[in-house]
Amino acid sequence: MSVNGVSHEKQEPVLRVARVRKNYGSFTALDGVSLDVESGEVVAVIGPSGSGKSTLVRCIDQLVGIDGGAIYLDGELLGYERRRGTLRPMKNARIAAQRRRMGMVFQNFNLFPHLTVRENITEVLRRSHGVSKPDADRRALEVLDRVGIGEKADHYPRRLSGGQQQRVAIARAVAPSPRIMLFDEPTSSLDPALVSEVLTVMQDLAEAGHTMVVVTHEIRFAHDVADRCVFMRQGRIVEEGPAKRMLTGPATDELRDFLSHVGSL
């Protein structure tokens, strides 16, 4: 559609999750979940334990397969290809190539203990993204400075606090300039005193325009930083909407009850 010669067609969302199902035996972890994430948008995913939040981001990152529906990144189907009129799983090499367009930050830091902080980043850039050693070194120092620990570049992870290790993990995920960042409860394994330093880095990324899906129990962060909030329960999205409105005036009894138990704001 165009008006006066100017196109007003809606852009393809960066991420589209369409009626996704995931089962573990008789247990349904995701029950027809649909979600669009636009470029530059920050979406916080909240909900009680076992609601399917972590399963959702793990399916998006193709760490686990789905049992129904589809997931698209910039309009490209993830994990499957159409051949002779039927969908078939992609080969692992193609799945790996798709995953390289996403950055994933886990609950645990997953750093390589035998590599320095700098090497934890440069190895990913060189081996997975084909970046030269000089360029990888420059990029590693750049992102480490960005998360506030450039002076720790030549330290080993064991010498860092939990908050610092998680900041390294975030820097490693950001370094290849992914299309979307996925966070799976990034502060859940941290001491309370260290949570704020990680949330500050994530807020800086959001303000810089990164597209982000954040599974979190930090309701204040979701309220203050996220554009949109998604509340999940029993494998389904129960409520979603603008984060500030939704977290101060929930529309469903389920979200209202959840917020009353987590001490929201």
C-alpha atoms as a PDB file:
ATOM      1  CA  MET A   1       0.000   0.000   0.000  1.00  0.00           C
ATOM      2  CA  SER A   2       1.239   3.518  -0.753  1.00  0.00           C
ATOM      3  CA  VAL A   3      -0.027   7.026  -0.189  1.00  0.00           C
ATOM      4  CA  ASN A   4       1.312   9.877  -2.373  1.00  0.00           C
ATOM      5  CA  GLY A   5       3.979   7.534  -3.657  1.00  0.00           C
ATOM      6  CA  VAL A   6       5.246   6.649  -0.147  1.00  0.00           C
ATOM      7  CA  SER A   7       5.100   2.993   0.819  1.00  0.00           C
ATOM      8  CA  HIS A   8       3.343   2.175   4.092  1.00  0.00           C
ATOM      9  CA  GLU A   9       3.733  -1.580   3.946  1.00  0.00           C
ATOM     10  CA  LYS A  10       4.412  -3.091   7.340  1.00  0.00           C
ATOM     11  CA  GLN A  11       7.895  -4.517   7.635  1.00  0.00           C
ATOM     12  CA  GLU A  12       8.411  -8.207   8.281  1.00  0.00           C
ATOM     13  CA  PRO A  13       8.995  -8.757  12.009  1.00  0.00           C
ATOM     14  CA  VAL A  14      12.497  -9.800  12.981  1.00  0.00           C
ATOM     15  CA  LEU A  15      11.052 -12.820  14.770  1.00  0.00           C
ATOM     16  CA  ARG A  16       7.774 -14.612  14.170  1.00  0.00           C
ATOM     17  CA  VAL A  17       6.667 -17.510  16.356  1.00  0.00           C
ATOM     18  CA  ALA A  18       3.556 -19.090  14.829  1.00  0.00           C
ATOM     19  CA  ARG A  19       1.409 -21.564  16.791  1.00  0.00           C
ATOM     20  CA  VAL A  20       4.449 -23.378  18.174  1.00  0.00           C
ATOM     21  CA  ARG A  21       3.974 -26.579  20.135  1.00  0.00           C
ATOM     22  CA  LYS A  22       6.561 -28.470  22.163  1.00  0.00           C
ATOM     23  CA  ASN A  23       5.899 -31.694  24.030  1.00  0.00           C
ATOM     24  CA  TYR A  24       8.034 -33.675  26.435  1.00  0.00           C
ATOM     25  CA  GLY A  25       6.292 -37.014  26.457  1.00  0.00           C
ATOM     26  CA  SER A  26       2.772 -36.404  27.748  1.00  0.00           C
ATOM     27  CA  PHE A  27       3.708 -32.932  29.062  1.00  0.00           C
ATOM     28  CA  THR A  28       2.908 -29.973  26.810  1.00  0.00           C
ATOM     29  CA  ALA A  29       5.547 -27.287  27.375  1.00  0.00           C
ATOM     30  CA  LEU A  30       4.310 -24.958  24.620  1.00  0.00           C
ATOM     31  CA  ASP A  31       0.702 -25.086  23.512  1.00  0.00           C
ATOM     32  CA  GLY A  32       0.247 -23.109  20.306  1.00  0.00           C
ATOM     33  CA  VAL A  33       2.379 -20.062  21.194  1.00  0.00           C
ATOM     34  CA  SER A  34       2.407 -17.165  18.707  1.00  0.00           C
ATOM     35  CA  LEU A  35       4.557 -14.049  19.054  1.00  0.00           C
ATOM     36  CA  ASP A  36       5.948 -11.360  16.752  1.00  0.00           C
ATOM     37  CA  VAL A  37       8.979  -9.244  17.689  1.00  0.00           C
ATOM     38  CA  GLU A  38       9.684  -6.097  15.694  1.00  0.00           C
ATOM     39  CA  SER A  39      13.094  -4.598  14.942  1.00  0.00           C
ATOM     40  CA  GLY A  40      14.451  -2.717  17.960  1.00  0.00           C
ATOM     41  CA  GLU A  41      11.733  -4.035  20.249  1.00  0.00           C
ATOM     42  CA  VAL A  42      12.412  -5.391  23.742  1.00  0.00           C
ATOM     43  CA  VAL A  43       9.970  -8.089  24.813  1.00  0.00           C
ATOM     44  CA  ALA A  44       9.999  -9.367  28.398  1.00  0.00           C
ATOM     45  CA  VAL A  45       8.597 -12.851  28.971  1.00  0.00           C
ATOM     46  CA  ILE A  46       7.385 -13.505  32.513  1.00  0.00           C
ATOM     47  CA  GLY A  47       5.447 -16.216  34.276  1.00  0.00           C
ATOM     48  CA  PRO A  48       5.647 -18.864  36.991  1.00  0.00           C
ATOM     49  CA  SER A  49       8.145 -21.718  36.952  1.00  0.00           C
ATOM     50  CA  GLY A  50       7.181 -24.338  34.406  1.00  0.00           C
ATOM     51  CA  SER A  51       5.113 -21.954  32.291  1.00  0.00           C
ATOM     52  CA  GLY A  52       7.210 -22.539  29.148  1.00  0.00           C
ATOM     53  CA  LYS A  53       9.298 -19.343  29.151  1.00  0.00           C
ATOM     54  CA  SER A  54      12.714 -20.980  28.869  1.00  0.00           C
ATOM     55  CA  THR A  55      11.412 -23.597  26.465  1.00  0.00           C
ATOM     56  CA  LEU A  56      10.223 -20.794  24.197  1.00  0.00           C
ATOM     57  CA  VAL A  57      13.630 -19.124  23.844  1.00  0.00           C
ATOM     58  CA  ARG A  58      15.384 -22.486  23.550  1.00  0.00           C
ATOM     59  CA  CYS A  59      13.075 -23.379  20.671  1.00  0.00           C
ATOM     60  CA  ILE A  60      13.755 -20.019  19.012  1.00  0.00           C
ATOM     61  CA  ASP A  61      17.513 -20.648  19.292  1.00  0.00           C
ATOM     62  CA  GLN A  62      16.957 -24.194  17.966  1.00  0.00           C
ATOM     63  CA  LEU A  63      18.487 -25.823  20.995  1.00  0.00           C
ATOM     64  CA  VAL A  64      15.403 -28.036  21.067  1.00  0.00           C
ATOM     65  CA  GLY A  65      13.121 -28.979  18.208  1.00  0.00           C
ATOM     66  CA  ILE A  66       9.455 -28.074  17.958  1.00  0.00           C
ATOM     67  CA  ASP A  67       6.533 -30.459  17.491  1.00  0.00           C
ATOM     68  CA  GLY A  68       4.232 -28.097  15.632  1.00  0.00           C
ATOM     69  CA  GLY A  69       3.955 -24.597  14.218  1.00  0.00           C
ATOM     70  CA  ALA A  70       6.869 -22.616  12.808  1.00  0.00           C
ATOM     71  CA  ILE A  71       9.483 -20.006  13.744  1.00  0.00           C
ATOM     72  CA  TYR A  72      10.795 -17.400  11.304  1.00  0.00           C
ATOM     73  CA  LEU A  73      13.778 -15.037  11.499  1.00  0.00           C
ATOM     74  CA  ASP A  74      13.450 -12.134   9.057  1.00  0.00           C
ATOM     75  CA  GLY A  75      10.897 -14.206   7.176  1.00  0.00           C
ATOM     76  CA  GLU A  76      13.167 -17.261   6.871  1.00  0.00           C
ATOM     77  CA  LEU A  77      11.824 -20.500   8.297  1.00  0.00           C
ATOM     78  CA  LEU A  78      14.111 -21.817  11.034  1.00  0.00           C
ATOM     79  CA  GLY A  79      15.158 -25.437  11.217  1.00  0.00           C
ATOM     80  CA  TYR A  80      13.187 -26.723   8.246  1.00  0.00           C
ATOM     81  CA  GLU A  81      13.181 -26.445   4.465  1.00  0.00           C
ATOM     82  CA  ARG A  82      10.507 -27.217   1.929  1.00  0.00           C
ATOM     83  CA  ARG A  83      11.476 -29.971  -0.496  1.00  0.00           C
ATOM     84  CA  ARG A  84       9.064 -31.454  -2.996  1.00  0.00           C
ATOM     85  CA  GLY A  85       6.136 -29.886  -1.228  1.00  0.00           C
ATOM     86  CA  THR A  86       6.981 -31.168   2.258  1.00  0.00           C
ATOM     87  CA  LEU A  87       8.882 -29.691   5.194  1.00  0.00           C
ATOM     88  CA  ARG A  88      12.003 -31.544   6.208  1.00  0.00           C
ATOM     89  CA  PRO A  89      14.559 -30.798   8.937  1.00  0.00           C
ATOM     90  CA  MET A  90      17.596 -28.877   7.767  1.00  0.00           C
ATOM     91  CA  LYS A  91      21.050 -30.326   8.070  1.00  0.00           C
ATOM     92  CA  ASN A  92      22.981 -29.347  11.186  1.00  0.00           C
ATOM     93  CA  ALA A  93      25.338 -27.054   9.272  1.00  0.00           C
ATOM     94  CA  ARG A  94      22.451 -24.925   7.997  1.00  0.00           C
ATOM     95  CA  ILE A  95      20.825 -24.837  11.425  1.00  0.00           C
ATOM     96  CA  ALA A  96      24.147 -23.673  12.885  1.00  0.00           C
ATOM     97  CA  ALA A  97      24.299 -20.899  10.271  1.00  0.00           C
ATOM     98  CA  GLN A  98      20.828 -19.723  11.275  1.00  0.00           C
ATOM     99  CA  ARG A  99      21.740 -19.794  14.950  1.00  0.00           C
ATOM    100  CA  ARG A 100      24.737 -17.561  14.292  1.00  0.00           C
ATOM    101  CA  ARG A 101      22.288 -14.755  13.507  1.00  0.00           C
ATOM    102  CA  MET A 102      21.015 -14.887  17.094  1.00  0.00           C
ATOM    103  CA  GLY A 103      22.784 -14.168  20.365  1.00  0.00           C
ATOM    104  CA  MET A 104      21.857 -16.326  23.371  1.00  0.00           C
ATOM    105  CA  VAL A 105      22.624 -15.596  27.029  1.00  0.00           C
ATOM    106  CA  PHE A 106      21.895 -18.425  29.457  1.00  0.00           C
ATOM    107  CA  GLN A 107      21.203 -18.620  33.184  1.00  0.00           C
ATOM    108  CA  ASN A 108      24.692 -20.032  33.694  1.00  0.00           C
ATOM    109  CA  PHE A 109      27.536 -18.227  32.027  1.00  0.00           C
ATOM    110  CA  ASN A 110      28.875 -21.124  29.901  1.00  0.00           C
ATOM    111  CA  LEU A 111      32.313 -19.557  29.579  1.00  0.00           C
ATOM    112  CA  PHE A 112      35.309 -21.670  28.613  1.00  0.00           C
ATOM    113  CA  PRO A 113      37.387 -21.847  31.835  1.00  0.00           C
ATOM    114  CA  HIS A 114      40.668 -22.552  30.021  1.00  0.00           C
ATOM    115  CA  LEU A 115      40.373 -19.389  27.893  1.00  0.00           C
ATOM    116  CA  THR A 116      40.827 -15.787  28.960  1.00  0.00           C
ATOM    117  CA  VAL A 117      37.917 -13.382  28.873  1.00  0.00           C
ATOM    118  CA  ARG A 118      39.163 -11.968  25.564  1.00  0.00           C
ATOM    119  CA  GLU A 119      39.654 -15.445  24.096  1.00  0.00           C
ATOM    120  CA  ASN A 120      36.133 -16.486  25.070  1.00  0.00           C
ATOM    121  CA  ILE A 121      34.952 -13.850  22.617  1.00  0.00           C
ATOM    122  CA  THR A 122      37.612 -14.066  19.911  1.00  0.00           C
ATOM    123  CA  GLU A 123      37.276 -17.838  19.554  1.00  0.00           C
ATOM    124  CA  VAL A 124      33.565 -17.501  18.755  1.00  0.00           C
ATOM    125  CA  LEU A 125      34.220 -14.712  16.263  1.00  0.00           C
ATOM    126  CA  ARG A 126      37.039 -16.573  14.516  1.00  0.00           C
ATOM    127  CA  ARG A 127      35.663 -20.116  14.482  1.00  0.00           C
ATOM    128  CA  SER A 128      31.956 -19.462  13.955  1.00  0.00           C
ATOM    129  CA  HIS A 129      31.982 -16.186  12.040  1.00  0.00           C
ATOM    130  CA  GLY A 130      35.260 -16.252  10.116  1.00  0.00           C
ATOM    131  CA  VAL A 131      36.608 -13.018  11.606  1.00  0.00           C
ATOM    132  CA  SER A 132      40.367 -12.469  11.356  1.00  0.00           C
ATOM    133  CA  LYS A 133      42.418 -12.525  14.542  1.00  0.00           C
ATOM    134  CA  PRO A 134      43.216  -8.772  14.550  1.00  0.00           C
ATOM    135  CA  ASP A 135      39.573  -7.865  13.897  1.00  0.00           C
ATOM    136  CA  ALA A 136      38.364 -10.365  16.504  1.00  0.00           C
ATOM    137  CA  ASP A 137      40.741  -8.894  19.091  1.00  0.00           C
ATOM    138  CA  ARG A 138      39.557  -5.365  18.345  1.00  0.00           C
ATOM    139  CA  ARG A 139      35.905  -6.381  18.516  1.00  0.00           C
ATOM    140  CA  ALA A 140      36.425  -8.284  21.778  1.00  0.00           C
ATOM    141  CA  LEU A 141      37.988  -5.280  23.483  1.00  0.00           C
ATOM    142  CA  GLU A 142      35.251  -3.037  22.118  1.00  0.00           C
ATOM    143  CA  VAL A 143      32.389  -5.112  23.540  1.00  0.00           C
ATOM    144  CA  LEU A 144      34.208  -5.727  26.829  1.00  0.00           C
ATOM    145  CA  ASP A 145      34.601  -1.982  27.264  1.00  0.00           C
ATOM    146  CA  ARG A 146      30.941  -1.610  26.435  1.00  0.00           C
ATOM    147  CA  VAL A 147      29.904  -3.924  29.287  1.00  0.00           C
ATOM    148  CA  GLY A 148      32.351  -2.262  31.666  1.00  0.00           C
ATOM    149  CA  ILE A 149      35.044  -4.902  32.083  1.00  0.00           C
ATOM    150  CA  GLY A 150      37.647  -4.078  29.463  1.00  0.00           C
ATOM    151  CA  GLU A 151      40.349  -4.203  32.143  1.00  0.00           C
ATOM    152  CA  LYS A 152      39.544  -7.909  32.717  1.00  0.00           C
ATOM    153  CA  ALA A 153      40.287  -8.947  29.128  1.00  0.00           C
ATOM    154  CA  ASP A 154      43.295 -11.111  30.008  1.00  0.00           C
ATOM    155  CA  HIS A 155      41.864 -12.636  33.185  1.00  0.00           C
ATOM    156  CA  TYR A 156      40.450 -16.141  33.366  1.00  0.00           C
ATOM    157  CA  PRO A 157      36.753 -16.562  34.232  1.00  0.00           C
ATOM    158  CA  ARG A 158      37.528 -18.065  37.658  1.00  0.00           C
ATOM    159  CA  ARG A 159      38.958 -14.704  38.737  1.00  0.00           C
ATOM    160  CA  LEU A 160      35.698 -12.880  37.992  1.00  0.00           C
ATOM    161  CA  SER A 161      32.557 -12.479  40.061  1.00  0.00           C
ATOM    162  CA  GLY A 162      29.326 -14.020  38.832  1.00  0.00           C
ATOM    163  CA  GLY A 163      28.112 -10.649  37.609  1.00  0.00           C
ATOM    164  CA  GLN A 164      31.319 -10.058  35.699  1.00  0.00           C
ATOM    165  CA  GLN A 165      31.155 -13.519  34.131  1.00  0.00           C
ATOM    166  CA  GLN A 166      27.620 -12.875  32.966  1.00  0.00           C
ATOM    167  CA  ARG A 167      28.720  -9.573  31.470  1.00  0.00           C
ATOM    168  CA  VAL A 168      31.394 -11.474  29.534  1.00  0.00           C
ATOM    169  CA  ALA A 169      28.694 -13.869  28.320  1.00  0.00           C
ATOM    170  CA  ILE A 170      26.610 -10.907  27.156  1.00  0.00           C
ATOM    171  CA  ALA A 171      29.637  -9.362  25.419  1.00  0.00           C
ATOM    172  CA  ARG A 172      30.300 -12.670  23.655  1.00  0.00           C
ATOM    173  CA  ALA A 173      26.687 -12.835  22.449  1.00  0.00           C
ATOM    174  CA  VAL A 174      26.727  -9.207  21.253  1.00  0.00           C
ATOM    175  CA  ALA A 175      30.124  -9.365  19.525  1.00  0.00           C
ATOM    176  CA  PRO A 176      28.912 -10.860  16.195  1.00  0.00           C
ATOM    177  CA  SER A 177      26.159  -8.191  15.953  1.00  0.00           C
ATOM    178  CA  PRO A 178      23.270 -10.684  15.998  1.00  0.00           C
ATOM    179  CA  ARG A 179      19.882  -9.923  14.515  1.00  0.00           C
ATOM    180  CA  ILE A 180      18.191 -10.644  17.839  1.00  0.00           C
ATOM    181  CA  MET A 181      19.338 -11.216  21.419  1.00  0.00           C
ATOM    182  CA  LEU A 182      17.744 -13.942  23.556  1.00  0.00           C
ATOM    183  CA  PHE A 183      18.111 -13.976  27.342  1.00  0.00           C
ATOM    184  CA  ASP A 184      17.070 -16.929  29.492  1.00  0.00           C
ATOM    185  CA  GLU A 185      16.795 -15.719  33.101  1.00  0.00           C
ATOM    186  CA  PRO A 186      20.236 -14.051  32.924  1.00  0.00           C
ATOM    187  CA  THR A 187      20.252 -12.965  36.582  1.00  0.00           C
ATOM    188  CA  SER A 188      18.721 -16.036  38.234  1.00  0.00           C
ATOM    189  CA  SER A 189      22.050 -17.590  39.266  1.00  0.00           C
ATOM    190  CA  LEU A 190      23.540 -14.355  40.626  1.00  0.00           C
ATOM    191  CA  ASP A 191      23.809 -13.124  44.182  1.00  0.00           C
ATOM    192  CA  PRO A 192      21.308 -10.285  44.716  1.00  0.00           C
ATOM    193  CA  ALA A 193      24.128  -7.764  45.080  1.00  0.00           C
ATOM    194  CA  LEU A 194      25.346  -8.549  41.531  1.00  0.00           C
ATOM    195  CA  VAL A 195      22.019  -8.431  39.713  1.00  0.00           C
ATOM    196  CA  SER A 196      21.945  -4.700  39.088  1.00  0.00           C
ATOM    197  CA  GLU A 197      25.243  -4.611  37.173  1.00  0.00           C
ATOM    198  CA  VAL A 198      23.923  -7.159  34.661  1.00  0.00           C
ATOM    199  CA  LEU A 199      20.542  -5.448  34.328  1.00  0.00           C
ATOM    200  CA  THR A 200      22.316  -2.135  33.683  1.00  0.00           C
ATOM    201  CA  VAL A 201      24.214  -3.684  30.762  1.00  0.00           C
ATOM    202  CA  MET A 202      20.981  -5.104  29.369  1.00  0.00           C
ATOM    203  CA  GLN A 203      19.276  -1.726  29.699  1.00  0.00           C
ATOM    204  CA  ASP A 204      22.157  -0.119  27.787  1.00  0.00           C
ATOM    205  CA  LEU A 205      21.691  -2.669  24.997  1.00  0.00           C
ATOM    206  CA  ALA A 206      17.969  -1.924  24.878  1.00  0.00           C
ATOM    207  CA  GLU A 207      18.594   1.812  24.706  1.00  0.00           C
ATOM    208  CA  ALA A 208      21.071   1.224  21.871  1.00  0.00           C
ATOM    209  CA  GLY A 209      18.268  -0.323  19.810  1.00  0.00           C
ATOM    210  CA  HIS A 210      19.009  -4.035  20.082  1.00  0.00           C
ATOM    211  CA  THR A 211      16.111  -6.376  19.400  1.00  0.00           C
ATOM    212  CA  MET A 212      15.710  -8.482  22.539  1.00  0.00           C
ATOM    213  CA  VAL A 213      13.560 -11.249  24.007  1.00  0.00           C
ATOM    214  CA  VAL A 214      14.205 -11.467  27.737  1.00  0.00           C
ATOM    215  CA  VAL A 215      12.889 -14.265  29.911  1.00  0.00           C
ATOM    216  CA  THR A 216      13.062 -12.757  33.377  1.00  0.00           C
ATOM    217  CA  HIS A 217      11.689 -12.724  36.894  1.00  0.00           C
ATOM    218  CA  GLU A 218      12.892  -9.131  37.346  1.00  0.00           C
ATOM    219  CA  ILE A 219       9.532  -7.369  37.139  1.00  0.00           C
ATOM    220  CA  ARG A 220      10.966  -3.899  37.720  1.00  0.00           C
ATOM    221  CA  PHE A 221      13.325  -4.394  34.760  1.00  0.00           C
ATOM    222  CA  ALA A 222      10.435  -5.588  32.587  1.00  0.00           C
ATOM    223  CA  HIS A 223       8.393  -2.533  33.582  1.00  0.00           C
ATOM    224  CA  ASP A 224      11.167   0.017  33.097  1.00  0.00           C
ATOM    225  CA  VAL A 225      12.990  -1.350  30.035  1.00  0.00           C
ATOM    226  CA  ALA A 226      10.712  -3.598  27.968  1.00  0.00           C
ATOM    227  CA  ASP A 227       8.457  -2.208  25.265  1.00  0.00           C
ATOM    228  CA  ARG A 228       6.118  -5.146  25.567  1.00  0.00           C
ATOM    229  CA  CYS A 229       5.489  -7.852  28.131  1.00  0.00           C
ATOM    230  CA  VAL A 230       4.277 -11.415  27.605  1.00  0.00           C
ATOM    231  CA  PHE A 231       2.825 -13.402  30.502  1.00  0.00           C
ATOM    232  CA  MET A 232       2.898 -17.175  30.119  1.00  0.00           C
ATOM    233  CA  ARG A 233       1.155 -19.864  32.105  1.00  0.00           C
ATOM    234  CA  GLN A 234       0.907 -23.594  31.431  1.00  0.00           C
ATOM    235  CA  GLY A 235       2.558 -23.309  28.042  1.00  0.00           C
ATOM    236  CA  ARG A 236       0.328 -20.554  26.728  1.00  0.00           C
ATOM    237  CA  ILE A 237       0.443 -16.782  26.425  1.00  0.00           C
ATOM    238  CA  VAL A 238      -2.277 -15.576  28.767  1.00  0.00           C
ATOM    239  CA  GLU A 239      -1.744 -11.839  28.409  1.00  0.00           C
ATOM    240  CA  GLU A 240       0.497  -9.509  26.441  1.00  0.00           C
ATOM    241  CA  GLY A 241       0.706  -5.780  25.875  1.00  0.00           C
ATOM    242  CA  PRO A 242       2.713  -2.620  26.598  1.00  0.00           C
ATOM    243  CA  ALA A 243       4.893  -3.457  29.588  1.00  0.00           C
ATOM    244  CA  LYS A 244       4.131  -0.457  31.779  1.00  0.00           C
ATOM    245  CA  ARG A 245       0.392  -0.693  31.291  1.00  0.00           C
ATOM    246  CA  MET A 246       0.276  -4.443  31.700  1.00  0.00           C
ATOM    247  CA  LEU A 247       2.406  -4.620  34.838  1.00  0.00           C
ATOM    248  CA  THR A 248       0.581  -1.800  36.627  1.00  0.00           C
ATOM    249  CA  GLY A 249      -2.920  -2.715  35.472  1.00  0.00           C
ATOM    250  CA  PRO A 250      -3.126  -6.410  34.539  1.00  0.00           C
ATOM    251  CA  ALA A 251      -6.200  -7.394  32.573  1.00  0.00           C
ATOM    252  CA  THR A 252      -6.377 -11.030  33.684  1.00  0.00           C
ATOM    253  CA  ASP A 253      -6.836 -12.622  37.084  1.00  0.00           C
ATOM    254  CA  GLU A 254      -3.921 -14.950  36.316  1.00  0.00           C
ATOM    255  CA  LEU A 255      -1.434 -12.109  35.879  1.00  0.00           C
ATOM    256  CA  ARG A 256      -2.873 -10.199  38.815  1.00  0.00           C
ATOM    257  CA  ASP A 257      -2.377 -13.252  41.032  1.00  0.00           C
ATOM    258  CA  PHE A 258       1.155 -13.825  39.722  1.00  0.00           C
ATOM    259  CA  LEU A 259       2.200 -10.235  40.397  1.00  0.00           C
ATOM    260  CA  SER A 260       0.768 -10.373  43.898  1.00  0.00           C
ATOM    261  CA  HIS A 261       3.087 -13.282  44.694  1.00  0.00           C
ATOM    262  CA  VAL A 262       6.307 -11.963  43.158  1.00  0.00           C
ATOM    263  CA  GLY A 263       6.170  -8.532  44.820  1.00  0.00           C
ATOM    264  CA  SER A 264       6.105  -6.799  41.496  1.00  0.00           C
ATOM    265  CA  LEU A 265       6.847  -3.056  41.784  1.00  0.00           C
END
